[in-house]
Amino acid sequence: MQPPQPTVVLTATESEKLCRPFVGESGIAAPPVNSGVGNYARNITGSTANRFARLRLAGIHLVLAALTWCVFSQTIDHPFVNYDDQNYVYQNPRIAAGLTWSGTIAAFTQTHARNWHPLTTLSHMLDCQLFGLNPAGHHLTNILLHTVAVLLLFAVLNAISGAFWRSAAVAAIFAIHPLRVESVAWIAERKDVLSGVFFMLTLTAYAWYVRWPTRRRYIAVIASFALALMAKPTVIMLPVLLFLLDYWPFRRLTMMSDDGRPNGDVPFLRQLARFGRSTIFLEKIPLAVLSVAVGIITLVAQRYTVGYSESIPLTSKVSNAFIAIVTYVEQMFWPAKLAVFYPNWGDREPAMVAVVAALLLGAITALAIGARRRAPYVVVGWLWYLIALLPVIGLVQVGLQGRADRYTYLPQIGLYIAVVWALGDLCRTRVHRRVITAVTIAVIILLTWRASIQAAFWRDTETLWAHALRVTESNDVAHYNVAGLLLDRGRLDEAIQHYQAALRASSDHESRTHLSPGIVQNALGNAFARKNDINAATLHYRRAIELRPDFSDARVNLSAMLLRQGDIAGAIAEYEKVASTPPEDGLSHERLADMLLKAKRYPEAVTHYRRAVELTPNSVNALSGLSWLLATNSGSVVDRSGEGVRLAERANELTHGNDPVVLRILAVNYAVAGRKRDALTTAERALSLARTNSALVQVLTQELESYRAKASP
């Protein structure tokens, strides 16, 4: 496709100017190209100046890389955390297998941890191919990708603005701000840093295209944006951000108007109207099509997660969004009390808090628009922040979190640009420049220190969640995760205390903005079951079922407690509800059949074993259980067709002939089928494998005597 061409034909001189930065250090306009007298003098000193410029550029690259390494190198010694890392990497067989053809195809055709981001999926596979499940290599990749994103950000800002030191300051803040820690230190957030690299490449390709539009450069813009979308779909707002860059610093809207006046003298709305009719708008259409397509794919991939939040009132979503936007700005200036999970405050804060946040955002937006002529970078930076946040602000809710540090990875670049460029405009004298420089260096040092501390909280799962509890209030998710860790370590009383705290912090009914109290009640029941407090465990399992009648896990656990209490009828009743709850699974039918077998309800047991075999034809327990019933029970269920033999032989094949219980069942089926010699040899094989099981040895010995008696002439 031929890329859209500019609406204004440039002269040779104007084209030469476009090869220079779009704006200068002042943020207003680039200096004109020098010509005429003075060229000779410049030629004499040009080589020295170029050498100094190259050294300065290399020095900034080294400083930016060193700052990034200073903060994040510690994460190389960190393990995986038990929070999404297991789903993304170490408990995901497809990822752990490394790069394979089947895995590559699945990356594009299937979801990964309920997300569609094939490039991110492939990057995790490549890590496993190179480093296995050693987390150090995975952390190193995150650091390297973030470093590349930082260097590209500096390069593109410097190229389009000519503001070397301001570009360096923005890149430095982006590199080491404490809000970046979650995106870099968390292996599961590979999608942030990877999409960040391609986001910066898209900006770079777009800058090249704007300077001199060609088909090849336009294709490069589309290709890099497509790769960014395949790393993380939340970059779908990038085409809109390119509109902002067209306003400043590219100044594609400041061409001469129809009446000969500069666009700076034309009302802003009229500028926008003319912009909408121009090819500058049309060239974004292919990018917008990509955004829409990937947005639809993402909604389909996350349909269950998104559907879970459909019942959240719109007022709650909007309230939380306003509060989150303001909070992110506050955290940019004062990055304290950062946590891996923040509760959703949409229905917890008074409505007036959201109203005040909305009014504040409106006031800032009005001031930014009002300052557009004198300081266009302010309105561009502020709108960059707001627009880039839209996909993750919670209007389409995914998950329980009210906000997340990782959501600011790319949006806050706009705020950095606005603040740094505004401070740069204050440097009107040498004293001003020295003061601003000193302040900037102090801020970068302070942020580096704070980010290093924040990164240390990711050294293990327990530290991560313990810190979240210290810096947040009523954090039901944090209490729940800490309790799970304590439960795994056998610290049952402490685990129970945290589960109870999670219940207090959660709602007393099922809510889409809180951790499910039914899930917490079930976990609390598990903790009491581990303590052998059967009555307390049963009480919490019943409470979980009251809250969530379709909660099969709670019914399974309740059934187990009823069995331990000797109430087999009650246990069967609970499991019958489990087996009838969609989606139907073979294991539920199999376990129900086992209980029915114990209760000597043989016909019902046969029915459920048959259904289990239909759903899971390679289940050894279902195959052997059904074949045992068909061979041993009196009445109409006794098998005379040889079905039991076929089932037992399949179970024996699946166990490679090494399971004495399966061999015993096969021997019984052979005997019923009249295959006396086969029954004898199979039972002998079972006895030889059952040496350590005295009860089984005794049974097999008795059965062998019977088989020998029947096999003798």
Foldseek 3Di string as FASTA:
>chain_A
DWFDDFPDDDDPLVLVLLQAALAALLQAGDDGDDDDPPPVVCVVCVVVVVVVVVVVLVVLLVVLLVLLCLQQVVLLLFAAAPPCCCQLADVPVLLLVADDPVSLVCLQVHAGPLFNQSVQSNVSSNQSVVPRRNCSSLLVVLSVLLSLLLSLQLVLCCRRHVNNVLSSLLSLCLSQFLLCLCCRSHSSNSLLSQLSNLLSQLSVLVSVCLSPNGPVSLVSNQVSLLNSCSSPLLCLLSLVLVVLVCVPDVVVLQDADPVRHTCLPPDPVVSVVVCCVTSSVVSSVVSNVSSVVSVVVRCVSNVVQLVLCPPPDLQLLLLLLLLQLVVVVVCSVVVPLAAQFAFRCSPPDPSVVSVVSVVVLVVLQVVQVVCCSVNVLSNSLSVLLVSSLVVPSRSRPGDQGSHHSSSCSRSNSSVSRNVSSVLSVQPPDPVSVVVSVVVSVVVSVVSSVVSSVSSVCSSYNLSRLVSNPVRHPLQLVSLQSNLVVCVVVVVLVSSLVSLVSSLVSADPAQDSNHDHNLVSLQVNLVSVVVVVVLVSSLVSLVSSCVRPVLPLSSLQVNLVSCVVVVNLVSSLVSLVSSCPRPPHALVSLLVSLVSCVVVVVLVSSLVSLVVSCVRPVQDLSSLLVNLLSCQDDDDPSPDQPCSSLVSLVSSCVSVVVQALVSLQSNLSSCVSNVVLVSSLVSLVSSLVNCVPPVVSNVVSVVVNVVSVVVPDD
